[in-house]
C-alpha atoms as a PDB file:
ATOM      1  CA  LEU A   1     101.241  33.694 -48.544  1.00  0.00           C
ATOM      2  CA  GLU A   2     102.321  35.359 -45.521  1.00  0.00           C
ATOM      3  CA  LEU A   3     102.843  32.819 -42.492  1.00  0.00           C
ATOM      4  CA  ASP A   4     104.349  34.640 -40.160  1.00  0.00           C
ATOM      5  CA  ASN A   5     101.535  36.112 -38.229  1.00  0.00           C
ATOM      6  CA  PRO A   6      98.430  33.285 -38.510  1.00  0.00           C
ATOM      7  CA  LEU A   7      95.831  36.105 -37.260  1.00  0.00           C
ATOM      8  CA  ALA A   8      96.494  38.798 -39.363  1.00  0.00           C
ATOM      9  CA  TYR A   9      95.315  36.913 -42.593  1.00  0.00           C
ATOM     10  CA  ARG A  10      92.687  39.073 -44.694  1.00  0.00           C
ATOM     11  CA  ALA A  11      89.802  36.503 -45.637  1.00  0.00           C
ATOM     12  CA  VAL A  12      89.517  35.551 -49.606  1.00  0.00           C
ATOM     13  CA  PHE A  13      85.990  35.197 -49.552  1.00  0.00           C
ATOM     14  CA  PRO A  14      84.756  36.134 -45.890  1.00  0.00           C
ATOM     15  CA  TYR A  15      80.894  35.065 -46.758  1.00  0.00           C
ATOM     16  CA  SER A  16      82.225  31.749 -48.753  1.00  0.00           C
ATOM     17  CA  SER A  17      80.083  29.823 -46.128  1.00  0.00           C
ATOM     18  CA  SER A  18      77.171  31.919 -46.355  1.00  0.00           C
ATOM     19  CA  LYS A  19      76.854  32.538 -50.431  1.00  0.00           C
ATOM     20  CA  GLU A  20      77.479  30.746 -53.313  1.00  0.00           C
ATOM     21  CA  LEU A  21      80.786  31.633 -55.234  1.00  0.00           C
ATOM     22  CA  LYS A  22      80.857  32.390 -58.836  1.00  0.00           C
ATOM     23  CA  LYS A  23      83.386  31.173 -61.438  1.00  0.00           C
ATOM     24  CA  ALA A  24      84.240  35.103 -62.044  1.00  0.00           C
ATOM     25  CA  GLN A  25      85.038  35.459 -58.374  1.00  0.00           C
ATOM     26  CA  VAL A  26      87.657  32.409 -58.259  1.00  0.00           C
ATOM     27  CA  ARG A  27      89.258  32.175 -61.804  1.00  0.00           C
ATOM     28  CA  ASN A  28      91.775  34.696 -61.238  1.00  0.00           C
ATOM     29  CA  LEU A  29      92.963  33.892 -57.659  1.00  0.00           C
ATOM     30  CA  ASP A  30      96.785  32.385 -57.952  1.00  0.00           C
ATOM     31  CA  CYS A  31      97.325  28.972 -56.199  1.00  0.00           C
ATOM     32  CA  ASP A  32      98.164  30.625 -52.862  1.00  0.00           C
ATOM     33  CA  LYS A  33      94.928  32.717 -52.595  1.00  0.00           C
ATOM     34  CA  LEU A  34      93.014  29.403 -54.368  1.00  0.00           C
ATOM     35  CA  TRP A  35      94.560  27.170 -51.012  1.00  0.00           C
ATOM     36  CA  GLN A  36      93.715  29.942 -48.565  1.00  0.00           C
ATOM     37  CA  ALA A  37      89.778  30.617 -49.804  1.00  0.00           C
ATOM     38  CA  ARG A  38      89.234  26.621 -49.753  1.00  0.00           C
ATOM     39  CA  ASN A  39      90.647  26.427 -46.202  1.00  0.00           C
ATOM     40  CA  GLU A  40      89.189  29.391 -44.702  1.00  0.00           C
ATOM     41  CA  ILE A  41      86.142  27.136 -45.136  1.00  0.00           C
ATOM     42  CA  PHE A  42      87.898  24.632 -42.983  1.00  0.00           C
ATOM     43  CA  ASN A  43      89.145  27.302 -40.349  1.00  0.00           C
ATOM     44  CA  ARG A  44      85.349  28.638 -40.060  1.00  0.00           C
ATOM     45  CA  ASN A  45      84.629  25.123 -39.055  1.00  0.00           C
ATOM     46  CA  ASP A  46      87.083  24.938 -36.370  1.00  0.00           C
ATOM     47  CA  ASN A  47      89.004  22.396 -38.322  1.00  0.00           C
ATOM     48  CA  CYS A  48      92.158  21.017 -36.721  1.00  0.00           C
ATOM     49  CA  PHE A  49      94.778  21.337 -39.466  1.00  0.00           C
ATOM     50  CA  LYS A  50      96.999  18.443 -40.016  1.00  0.00           C
ATOM     51  CA  THR A  51      99.868  20.327 -42.507  1.00  0.00           C
ATOM     52  CA  GLU A  52     102.605  22.923 -41.433  1.00  0.00           C
ATOM     53  CA  LYS A  53     100.932  25.077 -43.565  1.00  0.00           C
ATOM     54  CA  GLY A  54      97.732  24.897 -42.116  1.00  0.00           C
ATOM     55  CA  ILE A  55      98.700  25.279 -39.165  1.00  0.00           C
ATOM     56  CA  ARG A  56     101.005  28.344 -39.243  1.00  0.00           C
ATOM     57  CA  PHE A  57      98.720  30.009 -41.354  1.00  0.00           C
ATOM     58  CA  PHE A  58      95.085  29.598 -39.388  1.00  0.00           C
ATOM     59  CA  ASP A  59      96.625  28.743 -36.264  1.00  0.00           C
ATOM     60  CA  ASN A  60      95.184  25.434 -34.442  1.00  0.00           C
ATOM     61  CA  SER A  61      95.049  26.917 -31.107  1.00  0.00           C
ATOM     62  CA  ASN A  62      91.557  27.423 -30.705  1.00  0.00           C
ATOM     63  CA  CYS A  63      90.713  24.192 -33.234  1.00  0.00           C
ATOM     64  CA  THR A  64      87.843  21.799 -31.891  1.00  0.00           C
ATOM     65  CA  ARG A  65      87.566  19.252 -34.512  1.00  0.00           C
ATOM     66  CA  ALA A  66      89.695  16.665 -36.509  1.00  0.00           C
ATOM     67  CA  THR A  67      86.172  15.564 -38.468  1.00  0.00           C
ATOM     68  CA  LEU A  68      83.686  18.073 -39.994  1.00  0.00           C
ATOM     69  CA  LYS A  69      80.520  18.317 -41.323  1.00  0.00           C
ATOM     70  CA  LEU A  70      80.380  20.708 -43.939  1.00  0.00           C
ATOM     71  CA  ARG A  71      77.434  22.456 -45.116  1.00  0.00           C
ATOM     72  CA  PRO A  72      76.071  21.482 -48.930  1.00  0.00           C
ATOM     73  CA  LEU A  73      76.970  25.051 -49.516  1.00  0.00           C
ATOM     74  CA  GLU A  74      80.443  24.998 -48.638  1.00  0.00           C
ATOM     75  CA  LEU A  75      80.839  21.976 -50.236  1.00  0.00           C
ATOM     76  CA  ARG A  76      80.110  23.478 -53.492  1.00  0.00           C
ATOM     77  CA  ASN A  77      82.296  26.324 -52.821  1.00  0.00           C
ATOM     78  CA  ILE A  78      85.270  24.226 -51.915  1.00  0.00           C
ATOM     79  CA  ARG A  79      84.095  22.211 -55.288  1.00  0.00           C
ATOM     80  CA  THR A  80      84.547  25.343 -57.360  1.00  0.00           C
ATOM     81  CA  ILE A  81      87.625  26.697 -55.559  1.00  0.00           C
ATOM     82  CA  ARG A  82      89.323  22.804 -56.062  1.00  0.00           C
ATOM     83  CA  THR A  83      88.151  22.982 -59.635  1.00  0.00           C
ATOM     84  CA  TRP A  84      90.111  26.029 -60.395  1.00  0.00           C
ATOM     85  CA  GLU A  85      93.198  24.567 -58.425  1.00  0.00           C
ATOM     86  CA  ILE A  86      93.162  21.570 -61.036  1.00  0.00           C
ATOM     87  CA  ARG A  87      93.026  23.879 -63.872  1.00  0.00           C
ATOM     88  CA  LYS A  88      96.057  25.938 -62.841  1.00  0.00           C
ATOM     89  CA  ARG A  89      97.771  22.782 -61.573  1.00  0.00           C
ATOM     90  CA  CYS A  90      98.258  24.120 -58.051  1.00  0.00           C
ATOM     91  CA  ARG A  91     100.084  21.664 -55.746  1.00  0.00           C
ATOM     92  CA  VAL A  92      97.561  20.194 -53.403  1.00  0.00           C
ATOM     93  CA  LYS A  93      98.799  17.296 -51.371  1.00  0.00           C
ATOM     94  CA  LYS A  94      95.224  16.322 -49.218  1.00  0.00           C
ATOM     95  CA  LEU A  95      91.642  17.782 -49.412  1.00  0.00           C
ATOM     96  CA  ARG A  96      92.257  20.125 -46.421  1.00  0.00           C
ATOM     97  CA  GLY A  97      95.042  21.808 -45.194  1.00  0.00           C
END
């Protein structure tokens, strides 16, 4: 993942907070893209990232929430992404960030 310019990233799924992700959309992503796709949902909800990777990639300068209340659709999409992160044995320290 390109971490030098956190505002220049292109969303993997710009609609993942409003449309359900399908298995076919997620299964071919590598671990970096899965991480990004999952954390895009948190970023859209003004999450304050705690890991260096999250802070560098998404930029915490406009974050407002350390605790989030995500919509059921967003939670389902996060679970879909996490399922593939687990299947691909991606390294994930925490559920967020």
